[in-house]
Amino acid sequence: RNSTDDIEKMVMTRDEWVATGIDNAEMAEEIANTDLAQAEVLLDKAIYCFEQAKENILGSKARTHCSSIRFRLELLLSDPPPPITQVESRASWLIERLLAENLLFESRNLCSTVLPLLTSYTKDQLEQLILRKLPRKDQY
């Protein structure tokens, strides 16, 4: 696997930068439920590739995905968890961004991560209005 430093040393075409970025983003999505730290590294590589290709749309999508991964990682590592209002606020902002970027699986992953931290009313609303409508990996 190439590190970001190794990638910099290569001479690549715009299409190759995009393809490499997509490969990294896809690998990140595949491991997003098993190794968040590695998924974050892969998304950072994808962002770098998209920036080199001047692909703003794909770069934005990868940055949003990476922000969600970082937030999930932060929630899983924090003891005690952040205040509920902070979790709700940040999660709602990220879920909105993820849905706007059509990152449906990561939207589901983030919802599932924050669900245990929410009040029962907020949890019910999140399940009914968003989570129920999102696809599961096993559906594809």
N, C-alpha and C. Protein backbone atom coordinates (compact mmCIF):
# COMPACT_ATOMS: atom_id res chain seq x y z
N ARG A 1 0.84 -1.18 0.00
CA ARG A 1 0.00 0.00 0.00
C ARG A 1 0.88 1.24 0.00
N ASN A 2 0.40 2.24 -0.69
CA ASN A 2 1.17 3.48 -0.77
C ASN A 2 0.79 4.42 0.35
N SER A 3 1.77 5.06 0.92
CA SER A 3 1.47 6.12 1.88
C SER A 3 1.28 7.40 1.08
N THR A 4 0.77 8.43 1.72
CA THR A 4 0.57 9.69 1.04
C THR A 4 1.90 10.22 0.51
N ASP A 5 2.98 10.04 1.25
CA ASP A 5 4.29 10.50 0.79
C ASP A 5 4.72 9.77 -0.47
N ASP A 6 4.46 8.47 -0.53
CA ASP A 6 4.82 7.70 -1.73
C ASP A 6 4.00 8.16 -2.93
N ILE A 7 2.74 8.45 -2.71
CA ILE A 7 1.87 8.90 -3.79
C ILE A 7 2.37 10.22 -4.36
N GLU A 8 2.84 11.12 -3.48
CA GLU A 8 3.34 12.41 -3.94
C GLU A 8 4.49 12.25 -4.92
N LYS A 9 5.30 11.23 -4.75
CA LYS A 9 6.48 11.04 -5.57
C LYS A 9 6.13 10.49 -6.95
N MET A 10 4.95 9.97 -7.11
CA MET A 10 4.54 9.41 -8.38
C MET A 10 4.06 10.50 -9.32
N VAL A 11 4.21 10.27 -10.59
CA VAL A 11 3.65 11.15 -11.59
C VAL A 11 2.40 10.45 -12.09
N MET A 12 1.26 11.08 -11.82
CA MET A 12 0.01 10.44 -12.17
C MET A 12 -0.85 11.42 -12.98
N THR A 13 -1.69 10.86 -13.84
CA THR A 13 -2.64 11.69 -14.58
C THR A 13 -3.82 12.01 -13.67
N ARG A 14 -4.62 12.94 -14.11
CA ARG A 14 -5.82 13.32 -13.34
C ARG A 14 -6.71 12.09 -13.13
N ASP A 15 -6.91 11.31 -14.17
CA ASP A 15 -7.75 10.11 -14.06
C ASP A 15 -7.18 9.10 -13.07
N GLU A 16 -5.86 8.97 -13.05
CA GLU A 16 -5.23 8.05 -12.10
C GLU A 16 -5.39 8.54 -10.67
N TRP A 17 -5.29 9.85 -10.47
CA TRP A 17 -5.52 10.41 -9.13
C TRP A 17 -6.95 10.11 -8.68
N VAL A 18 -7.91 10.33 -9.59
CA VAL A 18 -9.31 10.07 -9.25
C VAL A 18 -9.53 8.59 -8.94
N ALA A 19 -8.99 7.71 -9.78
CA ALA A 19 -9.16 6.27 -9.57
C ALA A 19 -8.55 5.83 -8.24
N THR A 20 -7.37 6.35 -7.93
CA THR A 20 -6.72 6.01 -6.66
C THR A 20 -7.54 6.52 -5.48
N GLY A 21 -8.08 7.73 -5.62
CA GLY A 21 -8.93 8.28 -4.57
C GLY A 21 -10.18 7.45 -4.35
N ILE A 22 -10.80 7.04 -5.44
CA ILE A 22 -12.00 6.20 -5.34
C ILE A 22 -11.67 4.86 -4.69
N ASP A 23 -10.55 4.27 -5.10
CA ASP A 23 -10.13 3.00 -4.48
C ASP A 23 -9.96 3.14 -2.97
N ASN A 24 -9.29 4.21 -2.55
CA ASN A 24 -9.09 4.44 -1.12
C ASN A 24 -10.42 4.67 -0.40
N ALA A 25 -11.32 5.44 -1.00
CA ALA A 25 -12.62 5.71 -0.39
C ALA A 25 -13.44 4.43 -0.27
N GLU A 26 -13.39 3.59 -1.31
CA GLU A 26 -14.12 2.32 -1.26
C GLU A 26 -13.56 1.39 -0.19
N MET A 27 -12.24 1.33 -0.09
CA MET A 27 -11.63 0.49 0.95
C MET A 27 -12.03 1.01 2.34
N ALA A 28 -12.07 2.33 2.49
CA ALA A 28 -12.47 2.92 3.78
C ALA A 28 -13.90 2.52 4.13
N GLU A 29 -14.77 2.56 3.14
CA GLU A 29 -16.17 2.19 3.40
C GLU A 29 -16.29 0.72 3.79
N GLU A 30 -15.48 -0.13 3.17
CA GLU A 30 -15.51 -1.56 3.48
C GLU A 30 -15.12 -1.86 4.93
N ILE A 31 -14.18 -1.10 5.48
CA ILE A 31 -13.70 -1.39 6.84
C ILE A 31 -14.24 -0.43 7.89
N ALA A 32 -15.18 0.42 7.50
CA ALA A 32 -15.67 1.47 8.40
C ALA A 32 -16.31 0.93 9.68
N ASN A 33 -16.74 -0.31 9.69
CA ASN A 33 -17.33 -0.88 10.91
C ASN A 33 -16.37 -1.76 11.68
N THR A 34 -15.19 -2.00 11.13
CA THR A 34 -14.24 -2.86 11.82
C THR A 34 -12.97 -2.14 12.26
N ASP A 35 -12.56 -1.10 11.53
CA ASP A 35 -11.33 -0.40 11.86
C ASP A 35 -11.46 1.08 11.49
N LEU A 36 -12.05 1.84 12.40
CA LEU A 36 -12.29 3.26 12.12
C LEU A 36 -11.01 4.05 11.89
N ALA A 37 -9.96 3.72 12.64
CA ALA A 37 -8.70 4.45 12.49
C ALA A 37 -8.13 4.24 11.09
N GLN A 38 -8.16 3.02 10.60
CA GLN A 38 -7.65 2.75 9.25
C GLN A 38 -8.56 3.36 8.19
N ALA A 39 -9.86 3.36 8.44
CA ALA A 39 -10.79 4.00 7.51
C ALA A 39 -10.49 5.50 7.40
N GLU A 40 -10.16 6.11 8.53
CA GLU A 40 -9.80 7.54 8.53
C GLU A 40 -8.54 7.77 7.69
N VAL A 41 -7.53 6.92 7.86
CA VAL A 41 -6.29 7.04 7.08
C VAL A 41 -6.58 6.92 5.59
N LEU A 42 -7.39 5.94 5.22
CA LEU A 42 -7.72 5.74 3.82
C LEU A 42 -8.49 6.92 3.24
N LEU A 43 -9.39 7.50 4.04
CA LEU A 43 -10.14 8.66 3.56
C LEU A 43 -9.23 9.88 3.43
N ASP A 44 -8.28 10.02 4.33
CA ASP A 44 -7.30 11.11 4.18
C ASP A 44 -6.53 10.96 2.87
N LYS A 45 -6.16 9.74 2.52
CA LYS A 45 -5.48 9.48 1.25
C LYS A 45 -6.40 9.81 0.08
N ALA A 46 -7.66 9.42 0.19
CA ALA A 46 -8.62 9.71 -0.88
C ALA A 46 -8.77 11.22 -1.07
N ILE A 47 -8.87 11.95 0.03
CA ILE A 47 -9.00 13.41 -0.04
C ILE A 47 -7.79 14.00 -0.76
N TYR A 48 -6.60 13.54 -0.39
CA TYR A 48 -5.38 14.02 -1.03
C TYR A 48 -5.42 13.77 -2.54
N CYS A 49 -5.82 12.57 -2.93
CA CYS A 49 -5.90 12.23 -4.35
C CYS A 49 -6.90 13.11 -5.09
N PHE A 50 -8.06 13.32 -4.48
CA PHE A 50 -9.07 14.16 -5.12
C PHE A 50 -8.60 15.61 -5.23
N GLU A 51 -7.85 16.08 -4.25
CA GLU A 51 -7.29 17.43 -4.32
C GLU A 51 -6.28 17.53 -5.46
N GLN A 52 -5.45 16.48 -5.62
CA GLN A 52 -4.46 16.50 -6.70
C GLN A 52 -5.16 16.50 -8.07
N ALA A 53 -6.30 15.84 -8.15
CA ALA A 53 -7.06 15.78 -9.40
C ALA A 53 -7.98 16.99 -9.58
N LYS A 54 -8.02 17.84 -8.56
CA LYS A 54 -8.91 19.01 -8.56
C LYS A 54 -10.38 18.58 -8.74
N GLU A 55 -10.72 17.51 -8.04
CA GLU A 55 -12.09 16.97 -8.04
C GLU A 55 -12.79 17.44 -6.77
N ASN A 56 -13.38 18.62 -6.83
CA ASN A 56 -13.98 19.22 -5.65
C ASN A 56 -15.18 18.45 -5.11
N ILE A 57 -15.97 17.89 -6.00
CA ILE A 57 -17.18 17.18 -5.56
C ILE A 57 -16.79 15.90 -4.81
N LEU A 58 -15.88 15.12 -5.39
CA LEU A 58 -15.44 13.90 -4.71
C LEU A 58 -14.67 14.23 -3.44
N GLY A 59 -13.89 15.31 -3.47
CA GLY A 59 -13.17 15.73 -2.27
C GLY A 59 -14.12 16.10 -1.15
N SER A 60 -15.19 16.81 -1.48
CA SER A 60 -16.18 17.20 -0.48
C SER A 60 -16.85 15.97 0.12
N LYS A 61 -17.18 15.02 -0.73
CA LYS A 61 -17.81 13.78 -0.26
C LYS A 61 -16.88 13.03 0.69
N ALA A 62 -15.61 12.93 0.32
CA ALA A 62 -14.64 12.21 1.15
C ALA A 62 -14.40 12.96 2.47
N ARG A 63 -14.37 14.29 2.44
CA ARG A 63 -14.20 15.06 3.69
C ARG A 63 -15.38 14.87 4.63
N THR A 64 -16.59 14.85 4.08
CA THR A 64 -17.78 14.62 4.90
C THR A 64 -17.73 13.23 5.52
N HIS A 65 -17.38 12.24 4.71
CA HIS A 65 -17.28 10.87 5.20
C HIS A 65 -16.22 10.78 6.30
N CYS A 66 -15.09 11.42 6.08
CA CYS A 66 -14.00 11.39 7.06
C CYS A 66 -14.42 12.09 8.37
N SER A 67 -15.15 13.17 8.26
CA SER A 67 -15.64 13.87 9.46
C SER A 67 -16.53 12.96 10.29
N SER A 68 -17.37 12.19 9.63
CA SER A 68 -18.25 11.26 10.34
C SER A 68 -17.43 10.14 11.00
N ILE A 69 -16.46 9.61 10.28
CA ILE A 69 -15.60 8.56 10.84
C ILE A 69 -14.88 9.09 12.08
N ARG A 70 -14.33 10.31 11.98
CA ARG A 70 -13.61 10.91 13.12
C ARG A 70 -14.54 11.10 14.32
N PHE A 71 -15.77 11.53 14.06
CA PHE A 71 -16.73 11.72 15.14
C PHE A 71 -17.08 10.39 15.79
N ARG A 72 -17.31 9.36 14.97
CA ARG A 72 -17.60 8.04 15.54
C ARG A 72 -16.43 7.52 16.36
N LEU A 73 -15.24 7.72 15.86
CA LEU A 73 -14.04 7.31 16.59
C LEU A 73 -13.93 8.06 17.92
N GLU A 74 -14.19 9.35 17.87
CA GLU A 74 -14.16 10.18 19.09
C GLU A 74 -15.19 9.68 20.11
N LEU A 75 -16.39 9.36 19.64
CA LEU A 75 -17.43 8.87 20.54
C LEU A 75 -17.06 7.53 21.16
N LEU A 76 -16.47 6.65 20.36
CA LEU A 76 -16.12 5.33 20.86
C LEU A 76 -14.95 5.38 21.84
N LEU A 77 -14.08 6.37 21.69
CA LEU A 77 -12.90 6.47 22.56
C LEU A 77 -13.11 7.34 23.79
N SER A 78 -14.15 8.16 23.79
CA SER A 78 -14.34 9.09 24.91
C SER A 78 -15.01 8.40 26.10
N ASP A 79 -14.45 8.66 27.26
CA ASP A 79 -15.01 8.12 28.49
C ASP A 79 -14.85 9.17 29.58
N PRO A 80 -15.90 9.80 30.02
CA PRO A 80 -17.29 9.60 29.63
C PRO A 80 -17.59 10.23 28.27
N PRO A 81 -18.75 9.87 27.69
CA PRO A 81 -19.11 10.46 26.40
C PRO A 81 -19.34 11.96 26.53
N PRO A 82 -19.25 12.69 25.41
CA PRO A 82 -19.51 14.13 25.45
C PRO A 82 -20.95 14.41 25.90
N PRO A 83 -21.24 15.65 26.31
CA PRO A 83 -22.61 16.00 26.70
C PRO A 83 -23.60 15.69 25.57
N ILE A 84 -24.79 15.24 25.97
CA ILE A 84 -25.80 14.81 25.01
C ILE A 84 -26.15 15.89 23.99
N THR A 85 -26.19 17.14 24.43
CA THR A 85 -26.53 18.23 23.50
C THR A 85 -25.46 18.37 22.42
N GLN A 86 -24.21 18.18 22.80
CA GLN A 86 -23.11 18.25 21.84
C GLN A 86 -23.18 17.09 20.85
N VAL A 87 -23.50 15.90 21.36
CA VAL A 87 -23.62 14.72 20.49
C VAL A 87 -24.76 14.93 19.50
N GLU A 88 -25.92 15.36 20.00
CA GLU A 88 -27.08 15.57 19.14
C GLU A 88 -26.81 16.62 18.07
N SER A 89 -26.21 17.72 18.49
CA SER A 89 -25.95 18.81 17.56
C SER A 89 -24.99 18.38 16.45
N ARG A 90 -23.89 17.79 16.84
CA ARG A 90 -22.89 17.40 15.84
C ARG A 90 -23.40 16.26 14.97
N ALA A 91 -24.08 15.30 15.59
CA ALA A 91 -24.62 14.17 14.82
C ALA A 91 -25.65 14.65 13.81
N SER A 92 -26.53 15.54 14.20
CA SER A 92 -27.56 16.00 13.27
C SER A 92 -26.93 16.75 12.10
N TRP A 93 -25.92 17.57 12.38
CA TRP A 93 -25.24 18.29 11.31
C TRP A 93 -24.55 17.31 10.35
N LEU A 94 -23.86 16.32 10.92
CA LEU A 94 -23.16 15.34 10.08
C LEU A 94 -24.13 14.47 9.29
N ILE A 95 -25.21 14.04 9.91
CA ILE A 95 -26.19 13.21 9.20
C ILE A 95 -26.78 13.99 8.03
N GLU A 96 -27.07 15.25 8.25
CA GLU A 96 -27.59 16.10 7.17
C GLU A 96 -26.59 16.17 6.02
N ARG A 97 -25.32 16.38 6.34
CA ARG A 97 -24.27 16.45 5.31
C ARG A 97 -24.10 15.10 4.60
N LEU A 98 -24.09 14.02 5.37
CA LEU A 98 -23.95 12.68 4.78
C LEU A 98 -25.09 12.38 3.81
N LEU A 99 -26.30 12.71 4.21
CA LEU A 99 -27.45 12.47 3.33
C LEU A 99 -27.38 13.34 2.08
N ALA A 100 -26.94 14.59 2.24
CA ALA A 100 -26.79 15.49 1.09
C ALA A 100 -25.74 14.96 0.11
N GLU A 101 -24.73 14.30 0.63
CA GLU A 101 -23.66 13.72 -0.21
C GLU A 101 -24.01 12.31 -0.68
N ASN A 102 -25.19 11.83 -0.30
CA ASN A 102 -25.66 10.49 -0.67
C ASN A 102 -24.78 9.38 -0.09
N LEU A 103 -24.23 9.62 1.09
CA LEU A 103 -23.42 8.62 1.80
C LEU A 103 -24.33 7.88 2.78
N LEU A 104 -25.18 7.04 2.22
CA LEU A 104 -26.25 6.42 3.00
C LEU A 104 -25.76 5.40 4.02
N PHE A 105 -24.75 4.60 3.65
CA PHE A 105 -24.25 3.60 4.59
C PHE A 105 -23.57 4.27 5.79
N GLU A 106 -22.79 5.32 5.53
CA GLU A 106 -22.16 6.02 6.64
C GLU A 106 -23.21 6.75 7.48
N SER A 107 -24.28 7.22 6.85
CA SER A 107 -25.38 7.83 7.61
C SER A 107 -25.95 6.81 8.59
N ARG A 108 -26.16 5.59 8.11
CA ARG A 108 -26.66 4.51 8.97
C ARG A 108 -25.66 4.20 10.07
N ASN A 109 -24.38 4.12 9.71
CA ASN A 109 -23.35 3.82 10.71
C ASN A 109 -23.31 4.88 11.81
N LEU A 110 -23.39 6.14 11.41
CA LEU A 110 -23.36 7.22 12.40
C LEU A 110 -24.61 7.17 13.28
N CYS A 111 -25.77 6.97 12.68
CA CYS A 111 -27.00 6.86 13.46
C CYS A 111 -26.88 5.74 14.49
N SER A 112 -26.37 4.60 14.05
CA SER A 112 -26.24 3.45 14.95
C SER A 112 -25.25 3.74 16.08
N THR A 113 -24.23 4.51 15.81
CA THR A 113 -23.24 4.84 16.83
C THR A 113 -23.81 5.79 17.88
N VAL A 114 -24.58 6.78 17.45
CA VAL A 114 -25.09 7.78 18.42
C VAL A 114 -26.36 7.32 19.11
N LEU A 115 -27.07 6.38 18.54
CA LEU A 115 -28.35 5.94 19.10
C LEU A 115 -28.31 5.64 20.60
N PRO A 116 -27.35 4.87 21.09
CA PRO A 116 -27.33 4.55 22.53
C PRO A 116 -27.09 5.77 23.43
N LEU A 117 -26.60 6.86 22.86
CA LEU A 117 -26.28 8.04 23.66
C LEU A 117 -27.44 9.04 23.75
N LEU A 118 -28.50 8.81 22.98
CA LEU A 118 -29.58 9.78 22.87
C LEU A 118 -30.70 9.52 23.87
N THR A 119 -31.50 10.57 24.09
CA THR A 119 -32.69 10.41 24.93
C THR A 119 -33.68 9.51 24.20
N SER A 120 -34.61 8.93 24.92
CA SER A 120 -35.54 7.98 24.30
C SER A 120 -36.38 8.66 23.20
N TYR A 121 -36.81 9.90 23.41
CA TYR A 121 -37.58 10.61 22.38
C TYR A 121 -36.75 10.80 21.12
N THR A 122 -35.53 11.30 21.28
CA THR A 122 -34.66 11.55 20.13
C THR A 122 -34.32 10.24 19.43
N LYS A 123 -34.08 9.21 20.21
CA LYS A 123 -33.79 7.89 19.65
C LYS A 123 -34.96 7.40 18.80
N ASP A 124 -36.19 7.51 19.32
CA ASP A 124 -37.37 7.08 18.56
C ASP A 124 -37.52 7.87 17.27
N GLN A 125 -37.32 9.18 17.36
CA GLN A 125 -37.44 10.03 16.17
C GLN A 125 -36.38 9.68 15.12
N LEU A 126 -35.17 9.47 15.55
CA LEU A 126 -34.09 9.11 14.64
C LEU A 126 -34.37 7.78 13.96
N GLU A 127 -34.85 6.82 14.72
CA GLU A 127 -35.17 5.51 14.14
C GLU A 127 -36.31 5.61 13.14
N GLN A 128 -37.37 6.33 13.49
CA GLN A 128 -38.56 6.41 12.63
C GLN A 128 -38.34 7.27 11.40
N LEU A 129 -37.69 8.42 11.56
CA LEU A 129 -37.59 9.37 10.46
C LEU A 129 -36.38 9.15 9.55
N ILE A 130 -35.33 8.54 10.06
CA ILE A 130 -34.11 8.41 9.25
C ILE A 130 -33.65 6.97 9.13
N LEU A 131 -33.34 6.36 10.24
CA LEU A 131 -32.69 5.04 10.24
C LEU A 131 -33.51 3.99 9.48
N ARG A 132 -34.79 4.00 9.68
CA ARG A 132 -35.67 3.02 9.03
C ARG A 132 -35.62 3.12 7.50
N LYS A 133 -35.33 4.32 6.99
CA LYS A 133 -35.33 4.55 5.55
C LYS A 133 -33.98 4.32 4.88
N LEU A 134 -32.94 4.13 5.68
CA LEU A 134 -31.60 3.95 5.12
C LEU A 134 -31.34 2.49 4.78
N PRO A 135 -30.63 2.25 3.68
CA PRO A 135 -30.33 0.85 3.30
C PRO A 135 -29.32 0.22 4.24
N ARG A 136 -29.38 -1.09 4.35
CA ARG A 136 -28.38 -1.86 5.11
C ARG A 136 -27.42 -2.48 4.11
N LYS A 137 -26.20 -2.73 4.56
CA LYS A 137 -25.19 -3.35 3.68
C LYS A 137 -25.66 -4.68 3.14
N ASP A 138 -26.37 -5.46 3.96
CA ASP A 138 -26.80 -6.78 3.52
C ASP A 138 -27.90 -6.74 2.47
N GLN A 139 -28.43 -5.55 2.19
CA GLN A 139 -29.43 -5.41 1.14
C GLN A 139 -28.79 -5.31 -0.24
N TYR A 140 -27.48 -5.18 -0.29
CA TYR A 140 -26.79 -5.01 -1.58
C TYR A 140 -25.79 -6.09 -1.82
